[in-house]
């Protein structure tokens, strides 16, 4: 008779190995190469030009240099008054 902990240990080891293989495969395929660009995919180009009241002046200047002149947000948009 096999102790009940052996199948649990084997199942945990198999699932851990499977997760490690999936992460290694994703790394080798390049899924983690440019995470900064992937994080910006959900934004429209206009979203980068909206003025954000919580930004520091340095962050605002960096974004203005990267994406052009900043515009005021419309009501309900990025902290604009609703």
N, C-alpha and C. Protein backbone atom coordinates (compact mmCIF):
# COMPACT_ATOMS: atom_id res chain seq x y z
N UNK A 1 0.83 -1.17 0.00
CA UNK A 1 0.00 0.00 0.00
C UNK A 1 0.88 1.25 0.00
N UNK A 2 0.57 2.20 -0.87
CA UNK A 2 1.36 3.43 -0.99
C UNK A 2 0.81 4.47 0.00
N UNK A 3 1.70 5.14 0.72
CA UNK A 3 1.22 6.21 1.60
C UNK A 3 0.55 7.30 0.76
N UNK A 4 -0.46 7.93 1.32
CA UNK A 4 -1.24 8.90 0.56
C UNK A 4 -0.44 10.16 0.22
N UNK A 5 0.66 10.39 0.90
CA UNK A 5 1.44 11.59 0.61
C UNK A 5 2.28 11.45 -0.66
N UNK A 6 2.59 10.24 -1.07
CA UNK A 6 3.43 10.03 -2.26
C UNK A 6 2.74 10.55 -3.53
N UNK A 7 1.47 10.20 -3.78
CA UNK A 7 0.83 10.77 -4.98
C UNK A 7 0.72 12.30 -4.94
N UNK A 8 0.51 12.84 -3.75
CA UNK A 8 0.42 14.29 -3.63
C UNK A 8 1.76 14.93 -3.96
N UNK A 9 2.84 14.36 -3.47
CA UNK A 9 4.18 14.87 -3.75
C UNK A 9 4.49 14.74 -5.24
N UNK A 10 4.15 13.62 -5.84
CA UNK A 10 4.41 13.42 -7.27
C UNK A 10 3.58 14.38 -8.13
N UNK A 11 2.32 14.58 -7.77
CA UNK A 11 1.47 15.50 -8.53
C UNK A 11 1.99 16.93 -8.41
N UNK A 12 2.41 17.32 -7.22
CA UNK A 12 2.96 18.67 -7.03
C UNK A 12 4.24 18.85 -7.84
N UNK A 13 5.10 17.84 -7.82
CA UNK A 13 6.34 17.92 -8.59
C UNK A 13 6.05 18.00 -10.09
N UNK A 14 5.07 17.23 -10.58
CA UNK A 14 4.74 17.25 -12.00
C UNK A 14 4.17 18.61 -12.42
N UNK A 15 3.29 19.17 -11.61
CA UNK A 15 2.71 20.47 -11.95
C UNK A 15 3.76 21.59 -11.88
N UNK A 16 4.67 21.49 -10.94
CA UNK A 16 5.75 22.48 -10.85
C UNK A 16 6.67 22.39 -12.06
N UNK A 17 6.99 21.18 -12.46
CA UNK A 17 7.83 20.98 -13.64
C UNK A 17 7.12 21.51 -14.89
N UNK A 18 5.82 21.25 -15.00
CA UNK A 18 5.06 21.75 -16.15
C UNK A 18 5.08 23.28 -16.20
N UNK A 19 4.88 23.93 -15.05
CA UNK A 19 4.91 25.39 -15.02
C UNK A 19 6.29 25.92 -15.41
N UNK A 20 7.35 25.28 -14.93
CA UNK A 20 8.71 25.70 -15.27
C UNK A 20 8.98 25.54 -16.76
N UNK A 21 8.49 24.47 -17.35
CA UNK A 21 8.68 24.23 -18.79
C UNK A 21 7.93 25.29 -19.60
N UNK A 22 6.71 25.62 -19.20
CA UNK A 22 5.94 26.63 -19.92
C UNK A 22 6.63 27.99 -19.84
N UNK A 23 7.11 28.38 -18.67
CA UNK A 23 7.81 29.66 -18.53
C UNK A 23 9.11 29.67 -19.34
N UNK A 24 9.85 28.57 -19.33
CA UNK A 24 11.09 28.50 -20.12
C UNK A 24 10.78 28.60 -21.61
N UNK A 25 9.73 27.91 -22.05
CA UNK A 25 9.33 27.99 -23.46
C UNK A 25 8.97 29.42 -23.84
N UNK A 26 8.20 30.11 -22.99
CA UNK A 26 7.81 31.49 -23.27
C UNK A 26 9.03 32.40 -23.32
N UNK A 27 9.99 32.17 -22.44
CA UNK A 27 11.21 32.98 -22.43
C UNK A 27 12.01 32.76 -23.72
N UNK A 28 12.16 31.51 -24.13
CA UNK A 28 12.92 31.22 -25.35
C UNK A 28 12.23 31.73 -26.60
N UNK A 29 10.90 31.79 -26.59
CA UNK A 29 10.15 32.30 -27.74
C UNK A 29 10.14 33.82 -27.79
N UNK A 30 10.63 34.51 -26.74
CA UNK A 30 10.74 35.95 -26.76
C UNK A 30 9.55 36.70 -26.20
N UNK A 31 8.69 36.02 -25.45
CA UNK A 31 7.52 36.69 -24.90
C UNK A 31 7.88 37.74 -23.86
N UNK A 32 9.05 37.67 -23.26
CA UNK A 32 9.44 38.61 -22.23
C UNK A 32 10.52 39.59 -22.71
N UNK A 33 10.74 39.69 -24.01
CA UNK A 33 11.81 40.52 -24.53
C UNK A 33 11.54 42.02 -24.36
N UNK A 34 10.33 42.46 -24.67
CA UNK A 34 10.04 43.89 -24.62
C UNK A 34 8.76 44.13 -23.84
N UNK A 35 8.82 43.98 -22.54
CA UNK A 35 7.64 44.11 -21.70
C UNK A 35 7.12 45.54 -21.67
N UNK A 36 7.99 46.54 -21.80
CA UNK A 36 7.54 47.92 -21.77
C UNK A 36 6.61 48.21 -22.95
N UNK A 37 6.97 47.76 -24.13
CA UNK A 37 6.12 47.98 -25.30
C UNK A 37 4.82 47.19 -25.19
N UNK A 38 4.89 45.99 -24.65
CA UNK A 38 3.68 45.19 -24.49
C UNK A 38 2.74 45.80 -23.48
N UNK A 39 3.25 46.48 -22.48
CA UNK A 39 2.39 47.11 -21.48
C UNK A 39 1.65 48.31 -22.04
N UNK A 40 2.12 48.88 -23.13
CA UNK A 40 1.49 50.06 -23.72
C UNK A 40 0.52 49.72 -24.85
N UNK A 41 0.38 48.47 -25.19
CA UNK A 41 -0.47 48.07 -26.31
C UNK A 41 -1.93 48.44 -26.05
N UNK A 42 -2.37 48.42 -24.80
CA UNK A 42 -3.77 48.66 -24.51
C UNK A 42 -4.16 50.12 -24.64
N UNK A 43 -3.20 51.04 -24.73
CA UNK A 43 -3.49 52.46 -24.80
C UNK A 43 -3.63 52.92 -26.24
N UNK A 44 -4.51 53.89 -26.44
CA UNK A 44 -4.61 54.56 -27.73
C UNK A 44 -3.57 55.68 -27.74
N UNK A 45 -3.11 56.12 -28.90
CA UNK A 45 -2.11 57.19 -28.94
C UNK A 45 -2.54 58.46 -28.21
N UNK A 46 -3.84 58.76 -28.24
CA UNK A 46 -4.35 59.96 -27.57
C UNK A 46 -4.18 59.87 -26.05
N UNK A 47 -4.23 58.66 -25.50
CA UNK A 47 -4.10 58.48 -24.05
C UNK A 47 -2.77 58.99 -23.51
N UNK A 48 -1.74 58.95 -24.33
CA UNK A 48 -0.42 59.42 -23.88
C UNK A 48 -0.32 60.94 -23.87
N UNK A 49 -1.25 61.62 -24.54
CA UNK A 49 -1.22 63.08 -24.61
C UNK A 49 -2.12 63.75 -23.58
N UNK A 50 -2.90 62.98 -22.84
CA UNK A 50 -3.79 63.57 -21.85
C UNK A 50 -3.00 63.99 -20.62
N UNK A 51 -3.31 65.17 -20.13
CA UNK A 51 -2.63 65.68 -18.95
C UNK A 51 -3.14 64.94 -17.72
N UNK A 52 -2.23 64.54 -16.86
CA UNK A 52 -2.58 63.77 -15.67
C UNK A 52 -2.17 64.57 -14.43
N UNK A 53 -3.13 64.92 -13.58
CA UNK A 53 -2.82 65.80 -12.45
C UNK A 53 -1.89 65.18 -11.41
N UNK A 54 -1.74 63.89 -11.37
CA UNK A 54 -0.90 63.24 -10.36
C UNK A 54 0.56 63.12 -10.77
N UNK A 55 0.89 63.48 -12.00
CA UNK A 55 2.27 63.37 -12.47
C UNK A 55 3.15 64.48 -11.92
N UNK A 56 4.41 64.15 -11.74
CA UNK A 56 5.38 65.17 -11.37
C UNK A 56 5.74 65.98 -12.61
N UNK A 57 6.29 67.17 -12.44
CA UNK A 57 6.68 67.96 -13.62
C UNK A 57 7.69 67.24 -14.51
N UNK A 58 8.57 66.45 -13.93
CA UNK A 58 9.56 65.71 -14.73
C UNK A 58 8.86 64.65 -15.57
N UNK A 59 7.93 63.91 -14.98
CA UNK A 59 7.20 62.89 -15.74
C UNK A 59 6.38 63.53 -16.85
N UNK A 60 5.76 64.67 -16.55
CA UNK A 60 4.97 65.38 -17.56
C UNK A 60 5.85 65.83 -18.72
N UNK A 61 7.03 66.35 -18.43
CA UNK A 61 7.94 66.80 -19.47
C UNK A 61 8.43 65.63 -20.33
N UNK A 62 8.76 64.51 -19.68
CA UNK A 62 9.21 63.33 -20.43
C UNK A 62 8.12 62.84 -21.39
N UNK A 63 6.88 62.81 -20.90
CA UNK A 63 5.78 62.35 -21.74
C UNK A 63 5.50 63.34 -22.87
N UNK A 64 5.63 64.63 -22.59
CA UNK A 64 5.41 65.64 -23.62
C UNK A 64 6.48 65.54 -24.71
N UNK A 65 7.70 65.27 -24.32
CA UNK A 65 8.78 65.11 -25.30
C UNK A 65 8.58 63.85 -26.14
N UNK A 66 8.04 62.80 -25.54
CA UNK A 66 7.85 61.54 -26.25
C UNK A 66 6.61 61.53 -27.14
N UNK A 67 5.52 62.18 -26.68
CA UNK A 67 4.23 62.01 -27.37
C UNK A 67 3.60 63.29 -27.87
N UNK A 68 4.26 64.42 -27.71
CA UNK A 68 3.72 65.68 -28.22
C UNK A 68 3.01 66.48 -27.13
N UNK A 69 2.45 67.62 -27.55
CA UNK A 69 1.80 68.54 -26.62
C UNK A 69 0.67 67.85 -25.85
N UNK A 70 0.61 68.11 -24.55
CA UNK A 70 -0.41 67.50 -23.70
C UNK A 70 -1.72 68.29 -23.80
N UNK A 71 -2.82 67.58 -23.70
CA UNK A 71 -4.15 68.20 -23.77
C UNK A 71 -4.91 67.88 -22.48
N UNK A 72 -5.89 68.73 -22.16
CA UNK A 72 -6.72 68.50 -20.98
C UNK A 72 -7.65 67.30 -21.21
N UNK A 73 -7.86 66.49 -20.18
CA UNK A 73 -8.77 65.34 -20.36
C UNK A 73 -10.22 65.78 -20.43
N UNK A 74 -11.01 65.02 -21.17
CA UNK A 74 -12.44 65.27 -21.23
C UNK A 74 -13.07 64.80 -19.92
N UNK A 75 -14.28 65.21 -19.63
CA UNK A 75 -14.93 64.76 -18.40
C UNK A 75 -14.96 63.23 -18.29
N UNK A 76 -14.51 62.72 -17.14
CA UNK A 76 -14.49 61.29 -16.90
C UNK A 76 -13.32 60.55 -17.50
N UNK A 77 -12.35 61.25 -18.04
CA UNK A 77 -11.24 60.63 -18.74
C UNK A 77 -9.94 60.95 -18.02
N UNK A 78 -9.25 59.96 -17.51
CA UNK A 78 -7.96 60.10 -16.83
C UNK A 78 -8.00 61.16 -15.72
N UNK A 79 -9.03 61.14 -14.94
CA UNK A 79 -9.11 62.05 -13.81
C UNK A 79 -9.76 63.38 -14.14
N UNK A 80 -10.30 63.55 -15.34
CA UNK A 80 -10.99 64.78 -15.68
C UNK A 80 -12.28 64.89 -14.87
N UNK A 81 -12.71 66.10 -14.60
CA UNK A 81 -13.93 66.30 -13.81
C UNK A 81 -15.12 65.72 -14.57
N UNK A 82 -15.98 65.04 -13.85
CA UNK A 82 -17.14 64.40 -14.52
C UNK A 82 -18.37 65.24 -14.49
